[in-house]
Amino acid sequence: MASAKVCTQCEGSGVNSVDHFNGRFKAGAVCWLCRGKREILCGNCNGAGFVGGFMSTLEE
């Protein structure tokens, strides 16, 4: 099982500090990468929960 680390985009705040992707994700809105959870997966995944082609089912 992969472990979590502080989100590299919001640095653990849970919100975007600047606009991303031409304004699709606005500053002050929920972080586009961690969706406000403040952590992302690390290890053998791409940060979006994909490990070996299978999506992680770990939920809060």
PDB file of N, CA and C in Angstrom:
ATOM      1  N   MET A   1       0.847  -1.174   0.000  1.00  0.00           N
ATOM      2  CA  MET A   1       0.000   0.000   0.000  1.00  0.00           C
ATOM      3  C   MET A   1       0.889   1.233   0.000  1.00  0.00           C
ATOM      4  N   ALA A   2       0.535   2.177  -0.822  1.00  0.00           N
ATOM      5  CA  ALA A   2       1.303   3.419  -0.911  1.00  0.00           C
ATOM      6  C   ALA A   2       1.003   4.288   0.301  1.00  0.00           C
ATOM      7  N   SER A   3       1.939   5.121   0.646  1.00  0.00           N
ATOM      8  CA  SER A   3       1.705   6.045   1.747  1.00  0.00           C
ATOM      9  C   SER A   3       1.444   7.426   1.173  1.00  0.00           C
ATOM     10  N   ALA A   4       1.066   8.343   2.021  1.00  0.00           N
ATOM     11  CA  ALA A   4       0.734   9.691   1.579  1.00  0.00           C
ATOM     12  C   ALA A   4       1.832  10.663   1.969  1.00  0.00           C
ATOM     13  N   LYS A   5       1.907  11.746   1.200  1.00  0.00           N
ATOM     14  CA  LYS A   5       2.822  12.832   1.527  1.00  0.00           C
ATOM     15  C   LYS A   5       2.087  14.148   1.314  1.00  0.00           C
ATOM     16  N   VAL A   6       2.622  15.221   1.844  1.00  0.00           N
ATOM     17  CA  VAL A   6       2.010  16.534   1.698  1.00  0.00           C
ATOM     18  C   VAL A   6       1.886  16.860   0.214  1.00  0.00           C
ATOM     19  N   CYS A   7       0.742  17.379  -0.170  1.00  0.00           N
ATOM     20  CA  CYS A   7       0.491  17.728  -1.571  1.00  0.00           C
ATOM     21  C   CYS A   7       1.555  18.712  -2.074  1.00  0.00           C
ATOM     22  N   THR A   8       2.095  18.411  -3.234  1.00  0.00           N
ATOM     23  CA  THR A   8       3.160  19.247  -3.793  1.00  0.00           C
ATOM     24  C   THR A   8       2.632  20.517  -4.448  1.00  0.00           C
ATOM     25  N   GLN A   9       1.353  20.585  -4.729  1.00  0.00           N
ATOM     26  CA  GLN A   9       0.784  21.777  -5.357  1.00  0.00           C
ATOM     27  C   GLN A   9       0.325  22.806  -4.334  1.00  0.00           C
ATOM     28  N   CYS A  10      -0.454  22.378  -3.345  1.00  0.00           N
ATOM     29  CA  CYS A  10      -0.975  23.336  -2.354  1.00  0.00           C
ATOM     30  C   CYS A  10      -0.115  23.392  -1.099  1.00  0.00           C
ATOM     31  N   GLU A  11       0.892  22.528  -1.015  1.00  0.00           N
ATOM     32  CA  GLU A  11       1.797  22.454   0.127  1.00  0.00           C
ATOM     33  C   GLU A  11       1.048  22.245   1.433  1.00  0.00           C
ATOM     34  N   GLY A  12      -0.014  21.442   1.366  1.00  0.00           N
ATOM     35  CA  GLY A  12      -0.756  21.080   2.570  1.00  0.00           C
ATOM     36  C   GLY A  12      -1.859  22.027   2.977  1.00  0.00           C
ATOM     37  N   SER A  13      -2.098  23.076   2.204  1.00  0.00           N
ATOM     38  CA  SER A  13      -3.158  24.025   2.572  1.00  0.00           C
ATOM     39  C   SER A  13      -4.538  23.558   2.119  1.00  0.00           C
ATOM     40  N   GLY A  14      -4.594  22.735   1.061  1.00  0.00           N
ATOM     41  CA  GLY A  14      -5.869  22.254   0.546  1.00  0.00           C
ATOM     42  C   GLY A  14      -6.519  23.167  -0.477  1.00  0.00           C
ATOM     43  N   VAL A  15      -5.898  24.325  -0.735  1.00  0.00           N
ATOM     44  CA  VAL A  15      -6.438  25.262  -1.725  1.00  0.00           C
ATOM     45  C   VAL A  15      -5.358  25.686  -2.710  1.00  0.00           C
ATOM     46  N   ASN A  16      -5.773  26.056  -3.924  1.00  0.00           N
ATOM     47  CA  ASN A  16      -4.834  26.546  -4.937  1.00  0.00           C
ATOM     48  C   ASN A  16      -4.316  27.914  -4.537  1.00  0.00           C
ATOM     49  N   SER A  17      -3.019  28.120  -4.625  1.00  0.00           N
ATOM     50  CA  SER A  17      -2.452  29.431  -4.320  1.00  0.00           C
ATOM     51  C   SER A  17      -2.484  30.345  -5.538  1.00  0.00           C
ATOM     52  N   VAL A  18      -2.532  29.767  -6.730  1.00  0.00           N
ATOM     53  CA  VAL A  18      -2.608  30.519  -7.990  1.00  0.00           C
ATOM     54  C   VAL A  18      -3.551  29.775  -8.937  1.00  0.00           C
ATOM     55  N   ASP A  19      -3.969  30.455 -10.014  1.00  0.00           N
ATOM     56  CA  ASP A  19      -4.778  29.794 -11.040  1.00  0.00           C
ATOM     57  C   ASP A  19      -3.935  28.748 -11.754  1.00  0.00           C
ATOM     58  N   HIS A  20      -4.566  27.635 -12.132  1.00  0.00           N
ATOM     59  CA  HIS A  20      -3.886  26.570 -12.867  1.00  0.00           C
ATOM     60  C   HIS A  20      -4.653  26.256 -14.140  1.00  0.00           C
ATOM     61  N   PHE A  21      -3.946  25.795 -15.150  1.00  0.00           N
ATOM     62  CA  PHE A  21      -4.535  25.341 -16.407  1.00  0.00           C
ATOM     63  C   PHE A  21      -5.433  26.401 -17.033  1.00  0.00           C
ATOM     64  N   ASN A  22      -4.841  27.576 -17.280  1.00  0.00           N
ATOM     65  CA  ASN A  22      -5.546  28.696 -17.922  1.00  0.00           C
ATOM     66  C   ASN A  22      -6.822  29.109 -17.194  1.00  0.00           C
ATOM     67  N   GLY A  23      -6.797  29.053 -15.875  1.00  0.00           N
ATOM     68  CA  GLY A  23      -7.932  29.493 -15.068  1.00  0.00           C
ATOM     69  C   GLY A  23      -8.990  28.447 -14.802  1.00  0.00           C
ATOM     70  N   ARG A  24      -8.768  27.238 -15.264  1.00  0.00           N
ATOM     71  CA  ARG A  24      -9.753  26.172 -15.013  1.00  0.00           C
ATOM     72  C   ARG A  24      -9.877  25.892 -13.515  1.00  0.00           C
ATOM     73  N   PHE A  25      -8.750  25.949 -12.810  1.00  0.00           N
ATOM     74  CA  PHE A  25      -8.735  25.774 -11.359  1.00  0.00           C
ATOM     75  C   PHE A  25      -8.250  27.086 -10.759  1.00  0.00           C
ATOM     76  N   LYS A  26      -9.143  27.802 -10.099  1.00  0.00           N
ATOM     77  CA  LYS A  26      -8.870  29.158  -9.621  1.00  0.00           C
ATOM     78  C   LYS A  26      -8.126  29.181  -8.286  1.00  0.00           C
ATOM     79  N   ALA A  27      -7.354  30.258  -8.100  1.00  0.00           N
ATOM     80  CA  ALA A  27      -6.696  30.495  -6.816  1.00  0.00           C
ATOM     81  C   ALA A  27      -7.773  30.633  -5.745  1.00  0.00           C
ATOM     82  N   GLY A  28      -7.552  30.017  -4.598  1.00  0.00           N
ATOM     83  CA  GLY A  28      -8.507  30.064  -3.500  1.00  0.00           C
ATOM     84  C   GLY A  28      -9.527  28.945  -3.530  1.00  0.00           C
ATOM     85  N   ALA A  29      -9.608  28.222  -4.657  1.00  0.00           N
ATOM     86  CA  ALA A  29     -10.532  27.090  -4.759  1.00  0.00           C
ATOM     87  C   ALA A  29      -9.848  25.826  -4.238  1.00  0.00           C
ATOM     88  N   VAL A  30     -10.592  24.758  -4.089  1.00  0.00           N
ATOM     89  CA  VAL A  30     -10.052  23.479  -3.626  1.00  0.00           C
ATOM     90  C   VAL A  30      -8.904  23.056  -4.557  1.00  0.00           C
ATOM     91  N   CYS A  31      -7.816  22.585  -3.984  1.00  0.00           N
ATOM     92  CA  CYS A  31      -6.634  22.185  -4.745  1.00  0.00           C
ATOM     93  C   CYS A  31      -7.001  21.197  -5.843  1.00  0.00           C
ATOM     94  N   TRP A  32      -6.492  21.449  -7.041  1.00  0.00           N
ATOM     95  CA  TRP A  32      -6.803  20.595  -8.191  1.00  0.00           C
ATOM     96  C   TRP A  32      -6.168  19.221  -8.078  1.00  0.00           C
ATOM     97  N   LEU A  33      -5.072  19.102  -7.338  1.00  0.00           N
ATOM     98  CA  LEU A  33      -4.357  17.825  -7.268  1.00  0.00           C
ATOM     99  C   LEU A  33      -4.873  16.932  -6.135  1.00  0.00           C
ATOM    100  N   CYS A  34      -4.965  17.470  -4.942  1.00  0.00           N
ATOM    101  CA  CYS A  34      -5.377  16.640  -3.794  1.00  0.00           C
ATOM    102  C   CYS A  34      -6.870  16.766  -3.488  1.00  0.00           C
ATOM    103  N   ARG A  35      -7.584  17.654  -4.182  1.00  0.00           N
ATOM    104  CA  ARG A  35      -9.016  17.888  -3.975  1.00  0.00           C
ATOM    105  C   ARG A  35      -9.321  18.267  -2.523  1.00  0.00           C
ATOM    106  N   GLY A  36      -8.410  19.012  -1.916  1.00  0.00           N
ATOM    107  CA  GLY A  36      -8.620  19.508  -0.565  1.00  0.00           C
ATOM    108  C   GLY A  36      -8.222  18.555   0.540  1.00  0.00           C
ATOM    109  N   LYS A  37      -7.729  17.374   0.186  1.00  0.00           N
ATOM    110  CA  LYS A  37      -7.344  16.392   1.208  1.00  0.00           C
ATOM    111  C   LYS A  37      -5.980  16.689   1.825  1.00  0.00           C
ATOM    112  N   ARG A  38      -5.227  17.581   1.207  1.00  0.00           N
ATOM    113  CA  ARG A  38      -3.926  18.052   1.694  1.00  0.00           C
ATOM    114  C   ARG A  38      -2.791  17.046   1.549  1.00  0.00           C
ATOM    115  N   GLU A  39      -3.109  15.843   1.084  1.00  0.00           N
ATOM    116  CA  GLU A  39      -2.086  14.821   0.881  1.00  0.00           C
ATOM    117  C   GLU A  39      -2.293  14.146  -0.461  1.00  0.00           C
ATOM    118  N   ILE A  40      -1.205  13.624  -1.022  1.00  0.00           N
ATOM    119  CA  ILE A  40      -1.276  12.833  -2.244  1.00  0.00           C
ATOM    120  C   ILE A  40      -0.532  11.530  -2.003  1.00  0.00           C
ATOM    121  N   LEU A  41      -0.838  10.536  -2.808  1.00  0.00           N
ATOM    122  CA  LEU A  41      -0.143   9.260  -2.682  1.00  0.00           C
ATOM    123  C   LEU A  41       1.285   9.381  -3.177  1.00  0.00           C
ATOM    124  N   CYS A  42       2.156   8.596  -2.611  1.00  0.00           N
ATOM    125  CA  CYS A  42       3.533   8.547  -3.093  1.00  0.00           C
ATOM    126  C   CYS A  42       3.952   7.087  -3.206  1.00  0.00           C
ATOM    127  N   GLY A  43       5.091   6.861  -3.727  1.00  0.00           N
ATOM    128  CA  GLY A  43       5.537   5.495  -3.945  1.00  0.00           C
ATOM    129  C   GLY A  43       5.410   5.142  -5.409  1.00  0.00           C
ATOM    130  N   ASN A  44       4.815   4.008  -5.706  1.00  0.00           N
ATOM    131  CA  ASN A  44       4.695   3.534  -7.081  1.00  0.00           C
ATOM    132  C   ASN A  44       3.399   3.996  -7.723  1.00  0.00           C
ATOM    133  N   CYS A  45       3.132   5.281  -7.681  1.00  0.00           N
ATOM    134  CA  CYS A  45       1.935   5.818  -8.319  1.00  0.00           C
ATOM    135  C   CYS A  45       2.264   7.185  -8.891  1.00  0.00           C
ATOM    136  N   ASN A  46       1.312   7.757  -9.609  1.00  0.00           N
ATOM    137  CA  ASN A  46       1.558   9.042 -10.248  1.00  0.00           C
ATOM    138  C   ASN A  46       0.975  10.216  -9.477  1.00  0.00           C
ATOM    139  N   GLY A  47       0.557   9.999  -8.228  1.00  0.00           N
ATOM    140  CA  GLY A  47      -0.010  11.068  -7.417  1.00  0.00           C
ATOM    141  C   GLY A  47      -1.519  11.182  -7.570  1.00  0.00           C
ATOM    142  N   ALA A  48      -2.088  10.511  -8.567  1.00  0.00           N
ATOM    143  CA  ALA A  48      -3.527  10.564  -8.777  1.00  0.00           C
ATOM    144  C   ALA A  48      -4.197   9.276  -8.334  1.00  0.00           C
ATOM    145  N   GLY A  49      -3.446   8.376  -7.732  1.00  0.00           N
ATOM    146  CA  GLY A  49      -4.023   7.148  -7.216  1.00  0.00           C
ATOM    147  C   GLY A  49      -3.909   5.964  -8.155  1.00  0.00           C
ATOM    148  N   PHE A  50      -3.157   6.104  -9.220  1.00  0.00           N
ATOM    149  CA  PHE A  50      -3.015   5.003 -10.160  1.00  0.00           C
ATOM    150  C   PHE A  50      -1.739   4.219  -9.871  1.00  0.00           C
ATOM    151  N   VAL A  51      -1.885   2.944  -9.613  1.00  0.00           N
ATOM    152  CA  VAL A  51      -0.761   2.062  -9.334  1.00  0.00           C
ATOM    153  C   VAL A  51      -0.862   0.879 -10.283  1.00  0.00           C
ATOM    154  N   GLY A  52       0.092   0.729 -11.154  1.00  0.00           N
ATOM    155  CA  GLY A  52       0.084  -0.407 -12.059  1.00  0.00           C
ATOM    156  C   GLY A  52      -1.140  -0.481 -12.950  1.00  0.00           C
ATOM    157  N   GLY A  53      -1.734   0.654 -13.260  1.00  0.00           N
ATOM    158  CA  GLY A  53      -2.885   0.692 -14.141  1.00  0.00           C
ATOM    159  C   GLY A  53      -4.222   0.534 -13.440  1.00  0.00           C
ATOM    160  N   PHE A  54      -4.221   0.347 -12.129  1.00  0.00           N
ATOM    161  CA  PHE A  54      -5.466   0.205 -11.389  1.00  0.00           C
ATOM    162  C   PHE A  54      -5.659   1.403 -10.481  1.00  0.00           C
ATOM    163  N   MET A  55      -6.866   1.907 -10.436  1.00  0.00           N
ATOM    164  CA  MET A  55      -7.138   3.077  -9.604  1.00  0.00           C
ATOM    165  C   MET A  55      -7.301   2.661  -8.149  1.00  0.00           C
ATOM    166  N   SER A  56      -6.688   3.416  -7.268  1.00  0.00           N
ATOM    167  CA  SER A  56      -6.798   3.141  -5.846  1.00  0.00           C
ATOM    168  C   SER A  56      -8.248   3.339  -5.393  1.00  0.00           C
ATOM    169  N   THR A  57      -8.727   2.465  -4.518  1.00  0.00           N
ATOM    170  CA  THR A  57     -10.089   2.580  -3.990  1.00  0.00           C
ATOM    171  C   THR A  57     -10.096   3.111  -2.568  1.00  0.00           C
ATOM    172  N   LEU A  58      -8.948   3.545  -2.076  1.00  0.00           N
ATOM    173  CA  LEU A  58      -8.849   4.084  -0.733  1.00  0.00           C
ATOM    174  C   LEU A  58      -9.665   5.380  -0.631  1.00  0.00           C
ATOM    175  N   GLU A  59     -10.618   5.403   0.256  1.00  0.00           N
ATOM    176  CA  GLU A  59     -11.473   6.569   0.459  1.00  0.00           C
ATOM    177  C   GLU A  59     -11.350   7.026   1.900  1.00  0.00           C
ATOM    178  N   GLU A  60     -11.786   8.253   2.154  1.00  0.00           N
ATOM    179  CA  GLU A  60     -11.762   8.774   3.516  1.00  0.00           C
ATOM    180  C   GLU A  60     -12.766   8.056   4.385  1.00  0.00           C
TER     181      GLU A  60
END
